[in-house]
Amino acid sequence: MKVELKACRNCRTITTEDVCPKCGGETTTEWHGYVFILDKNKSQIARAMGADNGEYALRVR
């Protein structure tokens, strides 16, 4: 069974749901780039994105 990953148009969280579990925003299958944040306190990327720990898309259409 193939799982289709989607990204939230608002917060860029990657999920398999039709509605984002973090912010309730709309999700789409049209996204590029993948970042996995393990420790937001030590991550410069997390600070730049304003993101918590988790999986995020870098670009969402």
PDB file of N, CA and C in Angstrom:
ATOM      1  N   MET A   1       0.838  -1.179   0.000  1.00  0.00           N
ATOM      2  CA  MET A   1       0.000   0.000   0.000  1.00  0.00           C
ATOM      3  C   MET A   1       0.885   1.246   0.000  1.00  0.00           C
ATOM      4  N   LYS A   2       0.660   2.121  -0.961  1.00  0.00           N
ATOM      5  CA  LYS A   2       1.439   3.344  -1.093  1.00  0.00           C
ATOM      6  C   LYS A   2       0.784   4.458  -0.278  1.00  0.00           C
ATOM      7  N   VAL A   3       1.575   5.126   0.545  1.00  0.00           N
ATOM      8  CA  VAL A   3       1.080   6.234   1.357  1.00  0.00           C
ATOM      9  C   VAL A   3       1.449   7.536   0.661  1.00  0.00           C
ATOM     10  N   GLU A   4       0.462   8.405   0.456  1.00  0.00           N
ATOM     11  CA  GLU A   4       0.699   9.682  -0.210  1.00  0.00           C
ATOM     12  C   GLU A   4       0.920  10.762   0.847  1.00  0.00           C
ATOM     13  N   LEU A   5       2.109  11.344   0.821  1.00  0.00           N
ATOM     14  CA  LEU A   5       2.409  12.407   1.768  1.00  0.00           C
ATOM     15  C   LEU A   5       1.899  13.739   1.240  1.00  0.00           C
ATOM     16  N   LYS A   6       1.402  14.558   2.154  1.00  0.00           N
ATOM     17  CA  LYS A   6       0.869  15.872   1.819  1.00  0.00           C
ATOM     18  C   LYS A   6       1.525  16.900   2.723  1.00  0.00           C
ATOM     19  N   ALA A   7       1.536  18.149   2.291  1.00  0.00           N
ATOM     20  CA  ALA A   7       2.094  19.231   3.097  1.00  0.00           C
ATOM     21  C   ALA A   7       1.037  20.300   3.312  1.00  0.00           C
ATOM     22  N   CYS A   8       1.040  20.872   4.491  1.00  0.00           N
ATOM     23  CA  CYS A   8       0.087  21.934   4.831  1.00  0.00           C
ATOM     24  C   CYS A   8       0.469  23.218   4.099  1.00  0.00           C
ATOM     25  N   ARG A   9      -0.503  23.883   3.523  1.00  0.00           N
ATOM     26  CA  ARG A   9      -0.259  25.143   2.820  1.00  0.00           C
ATOM     27  C   ARG A   9       0.092  26.275   3.794  1.00  0.00           C
ATOM     28  N   ASN A  10      -0.302  26.156   5.059  1.00  0.00           N
ATOM     29  CA  ASN A  10      -0.040  27.214   6.043  1.00  0.00           C
ATOM     30  C   ASN A  10       1.290  27.035   6.764  1.00  0.00           C
ATOM     31  N   CYS A  11       1.471  25.879   7.425  1.00  0.00           N
ATOM     32  CA  CYS A  11       2.643  25.689   8.278  1.00  0.00           C
ATOM     33  C   CYS A  11       3.683  24.733   7.698  1.00  0.00           C
ATOM     34  N   ARG A  12       3.416  24.146   6.533  1.00  0.00           N
ATOM     35  CA  ARG A  12       4.312  23.252   5.806  1.00  0.00           C
ATOM     36  C   ARG A  12       4.565  21.904   6.487  1.00  0.00           C
ATOM     37  N   THR A  13       3.760  21.551   7.478  1.00  0.00           N
ATOM     38  CA  THR A  13       3.889  20.252   8.132  1.00  0.00           C
ATOM     39  C   THR A  13       3.547  19.140   7.144  1.00  0.00           C
ATOM     40  N   ILE A  14       4.349  18.084   7.132  1.00  0.00           N
ATOM     41  CA  ILE A  14       4.086  16.938   6.267  1.00  0.00           C
ATOM     42  C   ILE A  14       3.204  15.952   7.022  1.00  0.00           C
ATOM     43  N   THR A  15       2.168  15.472   6.342  1.00  0.00           N
ATOM     44  CA  THR A  15       1.188  14.575   6.947  1.00  0.00           C
ATOM     45  C   THR A  15       0.590  13.685   5.863  1.00  0.00           C
ATOM     46  N   THR A  16      -0.240  12.748   6.267  1.00  0.00           N
ATOM     47  CA  THR A  16      -0.997  11.930   5.315  1.00  0.00           C
ATOM     48  C   THR A  16      -2.467  12.330   5.329  1.00  0.00           C
ATOM     49  N   GLU A  17      -2.820  13.272   6.178  1.00  0.00           N
ATOM     50  CA  GLU A  17      -4.210  13.699   6.353  1.00  0.00           C
ATOM     51  C   GLU A  17      -4.606  14.770   5.331  1.00  0.00           C
ATOM     52  N   ASP A  18      -5.924  14.953   5.148  1.00  0.00           N
ATOM     53  CA  ASP A  18      -6.442  15.996   4.270  1.00  0.00           C
ATOM     54  C   ASP A  18      -6.477  17.362   4.952  1.00  0.00           C
ATOM     55  N   VAL A  19      -6.443  17.340   6.281  1.00  0.00           N
ATOM     56  CA  VAL A  19      -6.417  18.571   7.080  1.00  0.00           C
ATOM     57  C   VAL A  19      -5.208  18.480   8.002  1.00  0.00           C
ATOM     58  N   CYS A  20      -4.455  19.561   8.114  1.00  0.00           N
ATOM     59  CA  CYS A  20      -3.248  19.581   8.931  1.00  0.00           C
ATOM     60  C   CYS A  20      -3.573  19.332  10.408  1.00  0.00           C
ATOM     61  N   PRO A  21      -2.880  18.381  11.044  1.00  0.00           N
ATOM     62  CA  PRO A  21      -3.133  18.112  12.463  1.00  0.00           C
ATOM     63  C   PRO A  21      -2.595  19.204  13.396  1.00  0.00           C
ATOM     64  N   LYS A  22      -1.660  20.035  12.921  1.00  0.00           N
ATOM     65  CA  LYS A  22      -1.086  21.083  13.769  1.00  0.00           C
ATOM     66  C   LYS A  22      -1.881  22.375  13.735  1.00  0.00           C
ATOM     67  N   CYS A  23      -2.273  22.822  12.517  1.00  0.00           N
ATOM     68  CA  CYS A  23      -2.930  24.128  12.422  1.00  0.00           C
ATOM     69  C   CYS A  23      -4.330  24.076  11.822  1.00  0.00           C
ATOM     70  N   GLY A  24      -4.736  22.915  11.304  1.00  0.00           N
ATOM     71  CA  GLY A  24      -6.067  22.787  10.715  1.00  0.00           C
ATOM     72  C   GLY A  24      -6.156  23.306   9.295  1.00  0.00           C
ATOM     73  N   GLY A  25      -5.009  23.621   8.691  1.00  0.00           N
ATOM     74  CA  GLY A  25      -4.984  24.158   7.332  1.00  0.00           C
ATOM     75  C   GLY A  25      -5.178  23.098   6.262  1.00  0.00           C
ATOM     76  N   GLU A  26      -5.364  23.559   5.048  1.00  0.00           N
ATOM     77  CA  GLU A  26      -5.540  22.693   3.874  1.00  0.00           C
ATOM     78  C   GLU A  26      -4.201  22.071   3.501  1.00  0.00           C
ATOM     79  N   THR A  27      -4.214  20.812   3.065  1.00  0.00           N
ATOM     80  CA  THR A  27      -2.988  20.139   2.633  1.00  0.00           C
ATOM     81  C   THR A  27      -3.009  19.905   1.135  1.00  0.00           C
ATOM     82  N   THR A  28      -1.820  19.701   0.571  1.00  0.00           N
ATOM     83  CA  THR A  28      -1.669  19.479  -0.856  1.00  0.00           C
ATOM     84  C   THR A  28      -0.569  18.453  -1.111  1.00  0.00           C
ATOM     85  N   THR A  29      -0.642  17.797  -2.255  1.00  0.00           N
ATOM     86  CA  THR A  29       0.404  16.857  -2.655  1.00  0.00           C
ATOM     87  C   THR A  29       1.487  17.561  -3.465  1.00  0.00           C
ATOM     88  N   GLU A  30       1.317  18.835  -3.740  1.00  0.00           N
ATOM     89  CA  GLU A  30       2.281  19.601  -4.541  1.00  0.00           C
ATOM     90  C   GLU A  30       3.250  20.345  -3.617  1.00  0.00           C
ATOM     91  N   TRP A  31       4.318  19.646  -3.243  1.00  0.00           N
ATOM     92  CA  TRP A  31       5.339  20.231  -2.386  1.00  0.00           C
ATOM     93  C   TRP A  31       6.706  19.680  -2.777  1.00  0.00           C
ATOM     94  N   HIS A  32       7.762  20.399  -2.377  1.00  0.00           N
ATOM     95  CA  HIS A  32       9.134  19.998  -2.710  1.00  0.00           C
ATOM     96  C   HIS A  32      10.024  20.212  -1.499  1.00  0.00           C
ATOM     97  N   GLY A  33      11.053  19.400  -1.401  1.00  0.00           N
ATOM     98  CA  GLY A  33      12.016  19.508  -0.316  1.00  0.00           C
ATOM     99  C   GLY A  33      11.470  18.917   0.966  1.00  0.00           C
ATOM    100  N   TYR A  34      12.359  18.395   1.782  1.00  0.00           N
ATOM    101  CA  TYR A  34      11.950  17.713   2.999  1.00  0.00           C
ATOM    102  C   TYR A  34      12.974  18.018   4.071  1.00  0.00           C
ATOM    103  N   VAL A  35      12.495  18.456   5.221  1.00  0.00           N
ATOM    104  CA  VAL A  35      13.391  18.687   6.350  1.00  0.00           C
ATOM    105  C   VAL A  35      12.775  18.039   7.583  1.00  0.00           C
ATOM    106  N   PHE A  36      13.619  17.361   8.346  1.00  0.00           N
ATOM    107  CA  PHE A  36      13.184  16.702   9.567  1.00  0.00           C
ATOM    108  C   PHE A  36      13.933  17.362  10.719  1.00  0.00           C
ATOM    109  N   ILE A  37      13.214  18.006  11.623  1.00  0.00           N
ATOM    110  CA  ILE A  37      13.824  18.730  12.732  1.00  0.00           C
ATOM    111  C   ILE A  37      13.730  17.864  13.990  1.00  0.00           C
ATOM    112  N   LEU A  38      14.885  17.554  14.549  1.00  0.00           N
ATOM    113  CA  LEU A  38      14.946  16.721  15.751  1.00  0.00           C
ATOM    114  C   LEU A  38      15.005  17.563  17.027  1.00  0.00           C
ATOM    115  N   ASP A  39      15.748  18.658  16.999  1.00  0.00           N
ATOM    116  CA  ASP A  39      15.909  19.501  18.182  1.00  0.00           C
ATOM    117  C   ASP A  39      15.840  20.965  17.747  1.00  0.00           C
ATOM    118  N   LYS A  40      14.662  21.563  17.895  1.00  0.00           N
ATOM    119  CA  LYS A  40      14.453  22.928  17.407  1.00  0.00           C
ATOM    120  C   LYS A  40      15.347  23.942  18.104  1.00  0.00           C
ATOM    121  N   ASN A  41      15.794  23.645  19.311  1.00  0.00           N
ATOM    122  CA  ASN A  41      16.645  24.572  20.052  1.00  0.00           C
ATOM    123  C   ASN A  41      18.068  24.641  19.509  1.00  0.00           C
ATOM    124  N   LYS A  42      18.513  23.589  18.826  1.00  0.00           N
ATOM    125  CA  LYS A  42      19.861  23.553  18.274  1.00  0.00           C
ATOM    126  C   LYS A  42      19.879  23.745  16.754  1.00  0.00           C
ATOM    127  N   SER A  43      18.720  23.894  16.139  1.00  0.00           N
ATOM    128  CA  SER A  43      18.619  23.941  14.680  1.00  0.00           C
ATOM    129  C   SER A  43      18.456  25.371  14.161  1.00  0.00           C
ATOM    130  N   GLN A  44      19.412  25.805  13.347  1.00  0.00           N
ATOM    131  CA  GLN A  44      19.301  27.117  12.710  1.00  0.00           C
ATOM    132  C   GLN A  44      18.167  27.119  11.688  1.00  0.00           C
ATOM    133  N   ILE A  45      17.959  26.007  11.031  1.00  0.00           N
ATOM    134  CA  ILE A  45      16.871  25.903  10.052  1.00  0.00           C
ATOM    135  C   ILE A  45      15.523  26.047  10.754  1.00  0.00           C
ATOM    136  N   ALA A  46      15.356  25.409  11.904  1.00  0.00           N
ATOM    137  CA  ALA A  46      14.108  25.521  12.664  1.00  0.00           C
ATOM    138  C   ALA A  46      13.851  26.963  13.066  1.00  0.00           C
ATOM    139  N   ARG A  47      14.884  27.663  13.507  1.00  0.00           N
ATOM    140  CA  ARG A  47      14.722  29.076  13.875  1.00  0.00           C
ATOM    141  C   ARG A  47      14.331  29.909  12.661  1.00  0.00           C
ATOM    142  N   ALA A  48      14.968  29.677  11.524  1.00  0.00           N
ATOM    143  CA  ALA A  48      14.659  30.432  10.311  1.00  0.00           C
ATOM    144  C   ALA A  48      13.241  30.168   9.827  1.00  0.00           C
ATOM    145  N   MET A  49      12.779  28.914   9.970  1.00  0.00           N
ATOM    146  CA  MET A  49      11.434  28.544   9.533  1.00  0.00           C
ATOM    147  C   MET A  49      10.380  28.869  10.588  1.00  0.00           C
ATOM    148  N   GLY A  50      10.797  29.077  11.827  1.00  0.00           N
ATOM    149  CA  GLY A  50       9.845  29.252  12.924  1.00  0.00           C
ATOM    150  C   GLY A  50       9.105  27.964  13.216  1.00  0.00           C
ATOM    151  N   ALA A  51       9.821  26.836  13.107  1.00  0.00           N
ATOM    152  CA  ALA A  51       9.199  25.518  13.202  1.00  0.00           C
ATOM    153  C   ALA A  51       9.569  24.788  14.481  1.00  0.00           C
ATOM    154  N   ASP A  52       8.699  23.885  14.906  1.00  0.00           N
ATOM    155  CA  ASP A  52       8.958  22.985  16.029  1.00  0.00           C
ATOM    156  C   ASP A  52       9.574  21.702  15.502  1.00  0.00           C
ATOM    157  N   ASN A  53       9.801  20.736  16.380  1.00  0.00           N
ATOM    158  CA  ASN A  53      10.280  19.425  15.956  1.00  0.00           C
ATOM    159  C   ASN A  53       9.235  18.777  15.062  1.00  0.00           C
ATOM    160  N   GLY A  54       9.688  18.081  14.025  1.00  0.00           N
ATOM    161  CA  GLY A  54       8.767  17.387  13.129  1.00  0.00           C
ATOM    162  C   GLY A  54       9.256  17.381  11.691  1.00  0.00           C
ATOM    163  N   GLU A  55       8.353  17.022  10.790  1.00  0.00           N
ATOM    164  CA  GLU A  55       8.655  16.907   9.366  1.00  0.00           C
ATOM    165  C   GLU A  55       7.996  18.061   8.613  1.00  0.00           C
ATOM    166  N   TYR A  56       8.775  18.716   7.741  1.00  0.00           N
ATOM    167  CA  TYR A  56       8.268  19.886   7.030  1.00  0.00           C
ATOM    168  C   TYR A  56       8.703  19.868   5.562  1.00  0.00           C
ATOM    169  N   ALA A  57       7.874  20.479   4.735  1.00  0.00           N
ATOM    170  CA  ALA A  57       8.210  20.700   3.336  1.00  0.00           C
ATOM    171  C   ALA A  57       8.936  22.037   3.233  1.00  0.00           C
ATOM    172  N   LEU A  58       9.883  22.150   2.325  1.00  0.00           N
ATOM    173  CA  LEU A  58      10.581  23.410   2.138  1.00  0.00           C
ATOM    174  C   LEU A  58       9.796  24.378   1.256  1.00  0.00           C
ATOM    175  N   ARG A  59       9.107  23.832   0.263  1.00  0.00           N
ATOM    176  CA  ARG A  59       8.297  24.659  -0.628  1.00  0.00           C
ATOM    177  C   ARG A  59       6.953  23.992  -0.874  1.00  0.00           C
ATOM    178  N   VAL A  60       5.882  24.741  -0.724  1.00  0.00           N
ATOM    179  CA  VAL A  60       4.527  24.230  -0.941  1.00  0.00           C
ATOM    180  C   VAL A  60       3.838  25.101  -1.983  1.00  0.00           C
ATOM    181  N   ARG A  61       3.184  24.462  -2.956  1.00  0.00           N
ATOM    182  CA  ARG A  61       2.467  25.212  -3.991  1.00  0.00           C
ATOM    183  C   ARG A  61       1.028  25.376  -3.599  1.00  0.00           C
TER     184      ARG A  61
END
